[in-house]
PDB file of N, CA and C in Angstrom:
ATOM      1  N   MET A   1      18.978  64.925 135.889  1.00  0.00           N
ATOM      2  CA  MET A   1      20.311  65.465 136.105  1.00  0.00           C
ATOM      3  C   MET A   1      20.244  66.986 136.200  1.00  0.00           C
ATOM      4  N   ALA A   2      20.832  67.527 137.255  1.00  0.00           N
ATOM      5  CA  ALA A   2      20.806  68.975 137.471  1.00  0.00           C
ATOM      6  C   ALA A   2      21.757  69.676 136.507  1.00  0.00           C
ATOM      7  N   LYS A   3      21.352  70.868 136.076  1.00  0.00           N
ATOM      8  CA  LYS A   3      22.194  71.640 135.170  1.00  0.00           C
ATOM      9  C   LYS A   3      23.322  72.285 135.972  1.00  0.00           C
ATOM     10  N   ILE A   4      24.554  72.072 135.525  1.00  0.00           N
ATOM     11  CA  ILE A   4      25.717  72.593 136.220  1.00  0.00           C
ATOM     12  C   ILE A   4      26.065  73.966 135.659  1.00  0.00           C
ATOM     13  N   LYS A   5      26.363  74.916 136.541  1.00  0.00           N
ATOM     14  CA  LYS A   5      26.740  76.263 136.124  1.00  0.00           C
ATOM     15  C   LYS A   5      28.251  76.300 135.951  1.00  0.00           C
ATOM     16  N   LEU A   6      28.688  76.462 134.693  1.00  0.00           N
ATOM     17  CA  LEU A   6      30.116  76.535 134.415  1.00  0.00           C
ATOM     18  C   LEU A   6      30.576  77.986 134.469  1.00  0.00           C
ATOM     19  N   LYS A   7      31.820  78.186 134.902  1.00  0.00           N
ATOM     20  CA  LYS A   7      32.342  79.541 135.042  1.00  0.00           C
ATOM     21  C   LYS A   7      33.045  80.019 133.776  1.00  0.00           C
ATOM     22  N   ILE A   8      33.170  79.138 132.795  1.00  0.00           N
ATOM     23  CA  ILE A   8      33.814  79.500 131.531  1.00  0.00           C
ATOM     24  C   ILE A   8      32.781  79.434 130.419  1.00  0.00           C
ATOM     25  N   ARG A   9      32.784  80.464 129.569  1.00  0.00           N
ATOM     26  CA  ARG A   9      31.826  80.536 128.465  1.00  0.00           C
ATOM     27  C   ARG A   9      32.539  80.717 127.143  1.00  0.00           C
ATOM     28  N   LYS A  10      31.807  80.509 126.052  1.00  0.00           N
ATOM     29  CA  LYS A  10      32.319  80.713 124.710  1.00  0.00           C
ATOM     30  C   LYS A  10      32.760  82.173 124.563  1.00  0.00           C
ATOM     31  N   GLY A  11      33.953  82.376 123.985  1.00  0.00           N
ATOM     32  CA  GLY A  11      34.458  83.736 123.774  1.00  0.00           C
ATOM     33  C   GLY A  11      35.391  84.225 124.867  1.00  0.00           C
ATOM     34  N   ASP A  12      35.446  83.516 126.007  1.00  0.00           N
ATOM     35  CA  ASP A  12      36.355  83.902 127.094  1.00  0.00           C
ATOM     36  C   ASP A  12      37.799  83.636 126.699  1.00  0.00           C
ATOM     37  N   VAL A  13      38.721  84.445 127.245  1.00  0.00           N
ATOM     38  CA  VAL A  13      40.146  84.201 127.043  1.00  0.00           C
ATOM     39  C   VAL A  13      40.629  83.440 128.273  1.00  0.00           C
ATOM     40  N   VAL A  14      41.174  82.238 128.032  1.00  0.00           N
ATOM     41  CA  VAL A  14      41.595  81.367 129.129  1.00  0.00           C
ATOM     42  C   VAL A  14      43.046  80.934 128.968  1.00  0.00           C
ATOM     43  N   GLN A  15      43.584  80.357 130.049  1.00  0.00           N
ATOM     44  CA  GLN A  15      44.921  79.782 130.035  1.00  0.00           C
ATOM     45  C   GLN A  15      44.818  78.329 130.468  1.00  0.00           C
ATOM     46  N   VAL A  16      45.587  77.457 129.806  1.00  0.00           N
ATOM     47  CA  VAL A  16      45.608  76.037 130.164  1.00  0.00           C
ATOM     48  C   VAL A  16      46.583  75.887 131.324  1.00  0.00           C
ATOM     49  N   ILE A  17      46.134  75.262 132.437  1.00  0.00           N
ATOM     50  CA  ILE A  17      46.972  75.145 133.631  1.00  0.00           C
ATOM     51  C   ILE A  17      47.486  73.730 133.885  1.00  0.00           C
ATOM     52  N   ALA A  18      47.079  72.772 133.038  1.00  0.00           N
ATOM     53  CA  ALA A  18      47.553  71.401 133.211  1.00  0.00           C
ATOM     54  C   ALA A  18      47.535  70.679 131.872  1.00  0.00           C
ATOM     55  N   GLY A  19      48.373  69.677 131.738  1.00  0.00           N
ATOM     56  CA  GLY A  19      48.398  68.875 130.515  1.00  0.00           C
ATOM     57  C   GLY A  19      49.512  69.296 129.574  1.00  0.00           C
ATOM     58  N   ASP A  20      49.514  68.718 128.371  1.00  0.00           N
ATOM     59  CA  ASP A  20      50.566  68.973 127.389  1.00  0.00           C
ATOM     60  C   ASP A  20      50.587  70.425 126.908  1.00  0.00           C
ATOM     61  N   SER A  21      49.438  71.071 126.882  1.00  0.00           N
ATOM     62  CA  SER A  21      49.337  72.454 126.394  1.00  0.00           C
ATOM     63  C   SER A  21      49.459  73.481 127.518  1.00  0.00           C
ATOM     64  N   LYS A  22      50.015  73.075 128.661  1.00  0.00           N
ATOM     65  CA  LYS A  22      50.117  73.955 129.833  1.00  0.00           C
ATOM     66  C   LYS A  22      50.766  75.287 129.466  1.00  0.00           C
ATOM     67  N   GLY A  23      50.141  76.374 129.907  1.00  0.00           N
ATOM     68  CA  GLY A  23      50.668  77.713 129.639  1.00  0.00           C
ATOM     69  C   GLY A  23      50.078  78.371 128.401  1.00  0.00           C
ATOM     70  N   THR A  24      49.418  77.595 127.549  1.00  0.00           N
ATOM     71  CA  THR A  24      48.830  78.132 126.319  1.00  0.00           C
ATOM     72  C   THR A  24      47.626  79.008 126.653  1.00  0.00           C
ATOM     73  N   GLN A  25      47.567  80.173 126.006  1.00  0.00           N
ATOM     74  CA  GLN A  25      46.421  81.061 126.180  1.00  0.00           C
ATOM     75  C   GLN A  25      45.641  81.107 124.885  1.00  0.00           C
ATOM     76  N   GLY A  26      44.341  81.185 124.984  1.00  0.00           N
ATOM     77  CA  GLY A  26      43.515  81.242 123.785  1.00  0.00           C
ATOM     78  C   GLY A  26      42.067  81.511 124.106  1.00  0.00           C
ATOM     79  N   LYS A  27      41.306  81.701 123.054  1.00  0.00           N
ATOM     80  CA  LYS A  27      39.878  81.993 123.165  1.00  0.00           C
ATOM     81  C   LYS A  27      39.094  80.683 123.173  1.00  0.00           C
ATOM     82  N   VAL A  28      38.050  80.621 123.975  1.00  0.00           N
ATOM     83  CA  VAL A  28      37.191  79.435 124.016  1.00  0.00           C
ATOM     84  C   VAL A  28      36.300  79.454 122.774  1.00  0.00           C
ATOM     85  N   LEU A  29      36.422  78.408 121.948  1.00  0.00           N
ATOM     86  CA  LEU A  29      35.638  78.312 120.725  1.00  0.00           C
ATOM     87  C   LEU A  29      34.284  77.650 120.970  1.00  0.00           C
ATOM     88  N   GLU A  30      34.275  76.686 121.906  1.00  0.00           N
ATOM     89  CA  GLU A  30      33.050  75.927 122.170  1.00  0.00           C
ATOM     90  C   GLU A  30      33.111  75.353 123.576  1.00  0.00           C
ATOM     91  N   VAL A  31      31.966  75.296 124.248  1.00  0.00           N
ATOM     92  CA  VAL A  31      31.873  74.670 125.570  1.00  0.00           C
ATOM     93  C   VAL A  31      30.906  73.499 125.466  1.00  0.00           C
ATOM     94  N   ILE A  32      31.362  72.311 125.877  1.00  0.00           N
ATOM     95  CA  ILE A  32      30.524  71.117 125.855  1.00  0.00           C
ATOM     96  C   ILE A  32      30.063  70.884 127.300  1.00  0.00           C
ATOM     97  N   VAL A  33      28.877  71.414 127.628  1.00  0.00           N
ATOM     98  CA  VAL A  33      28.375  71.413 129.001  1.00  0.00           C
ATOM     99  C   VAL A  33      28.162  69.997 129.526  1.00  0.00           C
ATOM    100  N   ALA A  34      27.638  69.124 128.691  1.00  0.00           N
ATOM    101  CA  ALA A  34      27.328  67.751 129.123  1.00  0.00           C
ATOM    102  C   ALA A  34      28.573  66.992 129.578  1.00  0.00           C
ATOM    103  N   LYS A  35      29.726  67.298 128.998  1.00  0.00           N
ATOM    104  CA  LYS A  35      30.960  66.590 129.335  1.00  0.00           C
ATOM    105  C   LYS A  35      31.930  67.431 130.164  1.00  0.00           C
ATOM    106  N   ASN A  36      31.527  68.654 130.555  1.00  0.00           N
ATOM    107  CA  ASN A  36      32.403  69.584 131.292  1.00  0.00           C
ATOM    108  C   ASN A  36      33.716  69.842 130.561  1.00  0.00           C
ATOM    109  N   ARG A  37      33.643  70.027 129.246  1.00  0.00           N
ATOM    110  CA  ARG A  37      34.848  70.233 128.451  1.00  0.00           C
ATOM    111  C   ARG A  37      34.711  71.481 127.585  1.00  0.00           C
ATOM    112  N   ALA A  38      35.854  71.995 127.129  1.00  0.00           N
ATOM    113  CA  ALA A  38      35.845  73.176 126.261  1.00  0.00           C
ATOM    114  C   ALA A  38      36.910  73.012 125.189  1.00  0.00           C
ATOM    115  N   ILE A  39      36.686  73.649 124.028  1.00  0.00           N
ATOM    116  CA  ILE A  39      37.669  73.649 122.952  1.00  0.00           C
ATOM    117  C   ILE A  39      38.299  75.034 122.928  1.00  0.00           C
ATOM    118  N   VAL A  40      39.638  75.077 123.092  1.00  0.00           N
ATOM    119  CA  VAL A  40      40.375  76.336 123.159  1.00  0.00           C
ATOM    120  C   VAL A  40      41.239  76.492 121.919  1.00  0.00           C
ATOM    121  N   GLU A  41      41.199  77.687 121.340  1.00  0.00           N
ATOM    122  CA  GLU A  41      41.943  78.015 120.131  1.00  0.00           C
ATOM    123  C   GLU A  41      43.443  77.830 120.358  1.00  0.00           C
ATOM    124  N   GLY A  42      44.068  76.967 119.554  1.00  0.00           N
ATOM    125  CA  GLY A  42      45.515  76.759 119.607  1.00  0.00           C
ATOM    126  C   GLY A  42      46.013  75.855 120.725  1.00  0.00           C
ATOM    127  N   ALA A  43      45.114  75.274 121.514  1.00  0.00           N
ATOM    128  CA  ALA A  43      45.525  74.406 122.620  1.00  0.00           C
ATOM    129  C   ALA A  43      45.061  72.972 122.377  1.00  0.00           C
ATOM    130  N   ASN A  44      45.818  72.013 122.888  1.00  0.00           N
ATOM    131  CA  ASN A  44      45.508  70.587 122.784  1.00  0.00           C
ATOM    132  C   ASN A  44      45.308  70.160 121.328  1.00  0.00           C
ATOM    133  N   LEU A  45      46.299  70.468 120.486  1.00  0.00           N
ATOM    134  CA  LEU A  45      46.217  70.128 119.069  1.00  0.00           C
ATOM    135  C   LEU A  45      46.457  68.644 118.857  1.00  0.00           C
ATOM    136  N   VAL A  46      45.617  68.024 118.036  1.00  0.00           N
ATOM    137  CA  VAL A  46      45.765  66.609 117.688  1.00  0.00           C
ATOM    138  C   VAL A  46      45.845  66.488 116.174  1.00  0.00           C
ATOM    139  N   SER A  47      46.509  65.429 115.698  1.00  0.00           N
ATOM    140  CA  SER A  47      46.598  65.182 114.261  1.00  0.00           C
ATOM    141  C   SER A  47      45.423  64.314 113.847  1.00  0.00           C
ATOM    142  N   LYS A  48      44.645  64.802 112.898  1.00  0.00           N
ATOM    143  CA  LYS A  48      43.478  64.057 112.436  1.00  0.00           C
ATOM    144  C   LYS A  48      43.707  63.646 110.985  1.00  0.00           C
ATOM    145  N   HIS A  49      43.574  62.362 110.716  1.00  0.00           N
ATOM    146  CA  HIS A  49      43.731  61.841 109.357  1.00  0.00           C
ATOM    147  C   HIS A  49      42.403  62.008 108.635  1.00  0.00           C
ATOM    148  N   THR A  50      42.434  62.673 107.474  1.00  0.00           N
ATOM    149  CA  THR A  50      41.193  62.910 106.749  1.00  0.00           C
ATOM    150  C   THR A  50      41.238  62.305 105.350  1.00  0.00           C
ATOM    151  N   LYS A  51      40.101  61.773 104.952  1.00  0.00           N
ATOM    152  CA  LYS A  51      39.959  61.230 103.601  1.00  0.00           C
ATOM    153  C   LYS A  51      39.727  62.388 102.641  1.00  0.00           C
ATOM    154  N   PRO A  52      40.120  62.253 101.380  1.00  0.00           N
ATOM    155  CA  PRO A  52      39.813  63.309 100.415  1.00  0.00           C
ATOM    156  C   PRO A  52      38.296  63.506 100.281  1.00  0.00           C
ATOM    157  N   SER A  53      37.870  64.759 100.251  1.00  0.00           N
ATOM    158  CA  SER A  53      36.451  65.078 100.108  1.00  0.00           C
ATOM    159  C   SER A  53      36.316  66.336  99.259  1.00  0.00           C
ATOM    160  N   ALA A  54      35.087  66.790  99.057  1.00  0.00           N
ATOM    161  CA  ALA A  54      34.851  67.990  98.255  1.00  0.00           C
ATOM    162  C   ALA A  54      35.484  69.221  98.907  1.00  0.00           C
ATOM    163  N   THR A  55      35.400  69.307 100.244  1.00  0.00           N
ATOM    164  CA  THR A  55      35.968  70.464 100.952  1.00  0.00           C
ATOM    165  C   THR A  55      37.481  70.376 101.068  1.00  0.00           C
ATOM    166  N   ASN A  56      38.010  69.153 101.193  1.00  0.00           N
ATOM    167  CA  ASN A  56      39.455  68.939 101.322  1.00  0.00           C
ATOM    168  C   ASN A  56      39.873  67.910 100.271  1.00  0.00           C
ATOM    169  N   PRO A  57      40.132  68.346  99.018  1.00  0.00           N
ATOM    170  CA  PRO A  57      40.385  67.390  97.928  1.00  0.00           C
ATOM    171  C   PRO A  57      41.634  66.525  98.107  1.00  0.00           C
ATOM    172  N   ASN A  58      42.626  67.028  98.839  1.00  0.00           N
ATOM    173  CA  ASN A  58      43.865  66.249  99.017  1.00  0.00           C
ATOM    174  C   ASN A  58      43.792  65.260 100.167  1.00  0.00           C
ATOM    175  N   GLY A  59      42.972  65.545 101.160  1.00  0.00           N
ATOM    176  CA  GLY A  59      42.942  64.692 102.348  1.00  0.00           C
ATOM    177  C   GLY A  59      44.213  64.917 103.146  1.00  0.00           C
ATOM    178  N   GLY A  60      44.696  63.892 103.822  1.00  0.00           N
ATOM    179  CA  GLY A  60      45.953  63.999 104.567  1.00  0.00           C
ATOM    180  C   GLY A  60      45.737  64.209 106.047  1.00  0.00           C
ATOM    181  N   ILE A  61      46.779  64.735 106.694  1.00  0.00           N
ATOM    182  CA  ILE A  61      46.746  64.916 108.147  1.00  0.00           C
ATOM    183  C   ILE A  61      46.580  66.400 108.451  1.00  0.00           C
ATOM    184  N   ILE A  62      45.565  66.730 109.250  1.00  0.00           N
ATOM    185  CA  ILE A  62      45.361  68.120 109.647  1.00  0.00           C
ATOM    186  C   ILE A  62      45.439  68.239 111.168  1.00  0.00           C
ATOM    187  N   LYS A  63      45.933  69.376 111.630  1.00  0.00           N
ATOM    188  CA  LYS A  63      46.000  69.657 113.070  1.00  0.00           C
ATOM    189  C   LYS A  63      44.679  70.291 113.479  1.00  0.00           C
ATOM    190  N   LYS A  64      44.104  69.783 114.571  1.00  0.00           N
ATOM    191  CA  LYS A  64      42.803  70.237 115.017  1.00  0.00           C
ATOM    192  C   LYS A  64      42.789  70.315 116.542  1.00  0.00           C
ATOM    193  N   GLU A  65      42.040  71.285 117.079  1.00  0.00           N
ATOM    194  CA  GLU A  65      41.938  71.405 118.533  1.00  0.00           C
ATOM    195  C   GLU A  65      41.000  70.335 119.087  1.00  0.00           C
ATOM    196  N   ALA A  66      41.447  69.666 120.141  1.00  0.00           N
ATOM    197  CA  ALA A  66      40.598  68.694 120.834  1.00  0.00           C
ATOM    198  C   ALA A  66      40.110  69.357 122.129  1.00  0.00           C
ATOM    199  N   SER A  67      39.068  68.793 122.731  1.00  0.00           N
ATOM    200  CA  SER A  67      38.507  69.404 123.934  1.00  0.00           C
ATOM    201  C   SER A  67      39.411  69.177 125.151  1.00  0.00           C
ATOM    202  N   ILE A  68      39.321  70.093 126.098  1.00  0.00           N
ATOM    203  CA  ILE A  68      40.078  70.045 127.350  1.00  0.00           C
ATOM    204  C   ILE A  68      39.069  70.125 128.480  1.00  0.00           C
ATOM    205  N   HIS A  69      39.321  69.416 129.583  1.00  0.00           N
ATOM    206  CA  HIS A  69      38.415  69.474 130.723  1.00  0.00           C
ATOM    207  C   HIS A  69      38.447  70.872 131.334  1.00  0.00           C
ATOM    208  N   ILE A  70      37.278  71.349 131.742  1.00  0.00           N
ATOM    209  CA  ILE A  70      37.131  72.699 132.310  1.00  0.00           C
ATOM    210  C   ILE A  70      38.074  72.922 133.503  1.00  0.00           C
ATOM    211  N   SER A  71      38.323  71.879 134.292  1.00  0.00           N
ATOM    212  CA  SER A  71      39.182  72.009 135.478  1.00  0.00           C
ATOM    213  C   SER A  71      40.628  72.345 135.114  1.00  0.00           C
ATOM    214  N   ASN A  72      41.015  72.107 133.861  1.00  0.00           N
ATOM    215  CA  ASN A  72      42.382  72.401 133.421  1.00  0.00           C
ATOM    216  C   ASN A  72      42.507  73.784 132.795  1.00  0.00           C
ATOM    217  N   LEU A  73      41.454  74.580 132.912  1.00  0.00           N
ATOM    218  CA  LEU A  73      41.458  75.933 132.349  1.00  0.00           C
ATOM    219  C   LEU A  73      41.227  76.949 133.454  1.00  0.00           C
ATOM    220  N   THR A  74      41.839  78.125 133.292  1.00  0.00           N
ATOM    221  CA  THR A  74      41.563  79.233 134.201  1.00  0.00           C
ATOM    222  C   THR A  74      41.339  80.493 133.380  1.00  0.00           C
ATOM    223  N   LEU A  75      40.397  81.289 133.816  1.00  0.00           N
ATOM    224  CA  LEU A  75      40.057  82.512 133.104  1.00  0.00           C
ATOM    225  C   LEU A  75      41.151  83.550 133.307  1.00  0.00           C
ATOM    226  N   LEU A  76      41.380  84.398 132.295  1.00  0.00           N
ATOM    227  CA  LEU A  76      42.357  85.477 132.423  1.00  0.00           C
ATOM    228  C   LEU A  76      41.631  86.764 132.792  1.00  0.00           C
ATOM    229  N   ASP A  77      42.203  87.489 133.751  1.00  0.00           N
ATOM    230  CA  ASP A  77      41.638  88.753 134.229  1.00  0.00           C
ATOM    231  C   ASP A  77      41.567  89.761 133.079  1.00  0.00           C
ATOM    232  N   PRO A  78      40.389  90.373 132.825  1.00  0.00           N
ATOM    233  CA  PRO A  78      40.292  91.329 131.717  1.00  0.00           C
ATOM    234  C   PRO A  78      41.164  92.574 131.915  1.00  0.00           C
ATOM    235  N   LYS A  79      41.510  92.894 133.175  1.00  0.00           N
ATOM    236  CA  LYS A  79      42.313  94.079 133.478  1.00  0.00           C
ATOM    237  C   LYS A  79      43.806  93.813 133.318  1.00  0.00           C
ATOM    238  N   SER A  80      44.310  92.769 134.023  1.00  0.00           N
ATOM    239  CA  SER A  80      45.756  92.521 134.054  1.00  0.00           C
ATOM    240  C   SER A  80      46.218  91.427 133.099  1.00  0.00           C
ATOM    241  N   GLY A  81      45.305  90.561 132.656  1.00  0.00           N
ATOM    242  CA  GLY A  81      45.690  89.452 131.780  1.00  0.00           C
ATOM    243  C   GLY A  81      46.306  88.288 132.529  1.00  0.00           C
ATOM    244  N   LYS A  82      46.191  88.295 133.868  1.00  0.00           N
ATOM    245  CA  LYS A  82      46.723  87.201 134.688  1.00  0.00           C
ATOM    246  C   LYS A  82      45.603  86.232 135.034  1.00  0.00           C
ATOM    247  N   PRO A  83      45.954  84.956 135.319  1.00  0.00           N
ATOM    248  CA  PRO A  83      44.919  83.972 135.690  1.00  0.00           C
ATOM    249  C   PRO A  83      44.180  84.397 136.962  1.00  0.00           C
ATOM    250  N   THR A  84      42.883  84.178 136.981  1.00  0.00           N
ATOM    251  CA  THR A  84      42.057  84.561 138.130  1.00  0.00           C
ATOM    252  C   THR A  84      40.924  83.567 138.340  1.00  0.00           C
ATOM    253  N   ARG A  85      40.386  83.564 139.550  1.00  0.00           N
ATOM    254  CA  ARG A  85      39.203  82.765 139.818  1.00  0.00           C
ATOM    255  C   ARG A  85      37.979  83.606 139.453  1.00  0.00           C
ATOM    256  N   VAL A  86      36.838  82.949 139.357  1.00  0.00           N
ATOM    257  CA  VAL A  86      35.620  83.640 138.934  1.00  0.00           C
ATOM    258  C   VAL A  86      34.615  83.648 140.069  1.00  0.00           C
ATOM    259  N   GLY A  87      34.029  84.816 140.309  1.00  0.00           N
ATOM    260  CA  GLY A  87      32.977  84.948 141.303  1.00  0.00           C
ATOM    261  C   GLY A  87      31.721  85.455 140.622  1.00  0.00           C
ATOM    262  N   ARG A  88      30.607  85.443 141.356  1.00  0.00           N
ATOM    263  CA  ARG A  88      29.354  85.973 140.803  1.00  0.00           C
ATOM    264  C   ARG A  88      28.802  87.000 141.771  1.00  0.00           C
ATOM    265  N   GLN A  89      28.324  88.112 141.199  1.00  0.00           N
ATOM    266  CA  GLN A  89      27.870  89.216 142.013  1.00  0.00           C
ATOM    267  C   GLN A  89      26.750  89.943 141.285  1.00  0.00           C
ATOM    268  N   LYS A  90      25.861  90.581 142.024  1.00  0.00           N
ATOM    269  CA  LYS A  90      24.803  91.367 141.385  1.00  0.00           C
ATOM    270  C   LYS A  90      25.361  92.735 141.021  1.00  0.00           C
ATOM    271  N   ASN A  91      25.053  93.186 139.795  1.00  0.00           N
ATOM    272  CA  ASN A  91      25.509  94.515 139.381  1.00  0.00           C
ATOM    273  C   ASN A  91      24.454  95.562 139.744  1.00  0.00           C
ATOM    274  N   SER A  92      24.649  96.795 139.285  1.00  0.00           N
ATOM    275  CA  SER A  92      23.742  97.893 139.638  1.00  0.00           C
ATOM    276  C   SER A  92      22.300  97.658 139.188  1.00  0.00           C
ATOM    277  N   ASP A  93      22.125  96.884 138.109  1.00  0.00           N
ATOM    278  CA  ASP A  93      20.774  96.578 137.610  1.00  0.00           C
ATOM    279  C   ASP A  93      20.125  95.425 138.374  1.00  0.00           C
ATOM    280  N   GLY A  94      20.879  94.805 139.282  1.00  0.00           N
ATOM    281  CA  GLY A  94      20.357  93.671 140.032  1.00  0.00           C
ATOM    282  C   GLY A  94      20.514  92.359 139.287  1.00  0.00           C
ATOM    283  N   LYS A  95      21.305  92.376 138.202  1.00  0.00           N
ATOM    284  CA  LYS A  95      21.537  91.174 137.394  1.00  0.00           C
ATOM    285  C   LYS A  95      22.805  90.473 137.880  1.00  0.00           C
ATOM    286  N   LEU A  96      22.795  89.148 137.915  1.00  0.00           N
ATOM    287  CA  LEU A  96      23.944  88.371 138.365  1.00  0.00           C
ATOM    288  C   LEU A  96      24.993  88.317 137.249  1.00  0.00           C
ATOM    289  N   VAL A  97      26.201  88.805 137.536  1.00  0.00           N
ATOM    290  CA  VAL A  97      27.279  88.827 136.533  1.00  0.00           C
ATOM    291  C   VAL A  97      28.525  88.144 137.093  1.00  0.00           C
ATOM    292  N   ARG A  98      29.402  87.717 136.182  1.00  0.00           N
ATOM    293  CA  ARG A  98      30.663  87.096 136.590  1.00  0.00           C
ATOM    294  C   ARG A  98      31.698  88.195 136.839  1.00  0.00           C
ATOM    295  N   ILE A  99      32.470  88.032 137.920  1.00  0.00           N
ATOM    296  CA  ILE A  99      33.534  88.999 138.205  1.00  0.00           C
ATOM    297  C   ILE A  99      34.849  88.256 138.405  1.00  0.00           C
ATOM    298  N   ALA A 100      35.961  88.940 138.073  1.00  0.00           N
ATOM    299  CA  ALA A 100      37.298  88.382 138.297  1.00  0.00           C
ATOM    300  C   ALA A 100      37.644  88.636 139.763  1.00  0.00           C
ATOM    301  N   LYS A 101      38.065  87.576 140.475  1.00  0.00           N
ATOM    302  CA  LYS A 101      38.366  87.702 141.904  1.00  0.00           C
ATOM    303  C   LYS A 101      39.588  88.584 142.154  1.00  0.00           C
ATOM    304  N   LYS A 102      40.555  88.603 141.218  1.00  0.00           N
ATOM    305  CA  LYS A 102      41.772  89.389 141.414  1.00  0.00           C
ATOM    306  C   LYS A 102      41.527  90.878 141.363  1.00  0.00           C
ATOM    307  N   SER A 103      40.807  91.353 140.348  1.00  0.00           N
ATOM    308  CA  SER A 103      40.624  92.803 140.171  1.00  0.00           C
ATOM    309  C   SER A 103      39.233  93.285 140.537  1.00  0.00           C
ATOM    310  N   GLY A 104      38.271  92.379 140.638  1.00  0.00           N
ATOM    311  CA  GLY A 104      36.901  92.767 140.908  1.00  0.00           C
ATOM    312  C   GLY A 104      36.193  93.266 139.653  1.00  0.00           C
ATOM    313  N   GLU A 105      36.879  93.175 138.516  1.00  0.00           N
ATOM    314  CA  GLU A 105      36.366  93.633 137.226  1.00  0.00           C
ATOM    315  C   GLU A 105      35.279  92.675 136.719  1.00  0.00           C
ATOM    316  N   GLU A 106      34.266  93.234 136.062  1.00  0.00           N
ATOM    317  CA  GLU A 106      33.193  92.403 135.491  1.00  0.00           C
ATOM    318  C   GLU A 106      33.708  91.732 134.233  1.00  0.00           C
ATOM    319  N   ILE A 107      33.375  90.446 134.052  1.00  0.00           N
ATOM    320  CA  ILE A 107      33.781  89.697 132.864  1.00  0.00           C
ATOM    321  C   ILE A 107      32.656  89.806 131.851  1.00  0.00           C
ATOM    322  N   LYS A 108      32.958  90.388 130.704  1.00  0.00           N
ATOM    323  CA  LYS A 108      31.952  90.611 129.660  1.00  0.00           C
ATOM    324  C   LYS A 108      31.735  89.339 128.873  1.00  0.00           C
TER     325      LYS A 108
END
């Protein structure tokens, strides 16, 4: 199986463009490359029933972020904060970097 190059990475600020959490903006906490999914802070919250344990002595129901498919996310432009597509370009050092298509700004 060929390795797929995803345009979204851990730490990026993204916006959800489809689903129940549509419009939510947040930081990418984790990217699951094998499933083309990402976990976004504050988006796609699900209720998880937990048994009492040493870390959570009361147990109960906790809200937790579930993964979202990469296709339902769009990166936010570092300059304007608006949704943008992602391109790849060589910088002055000859290294391939991600750029925002709207502003041409490099995505750190």
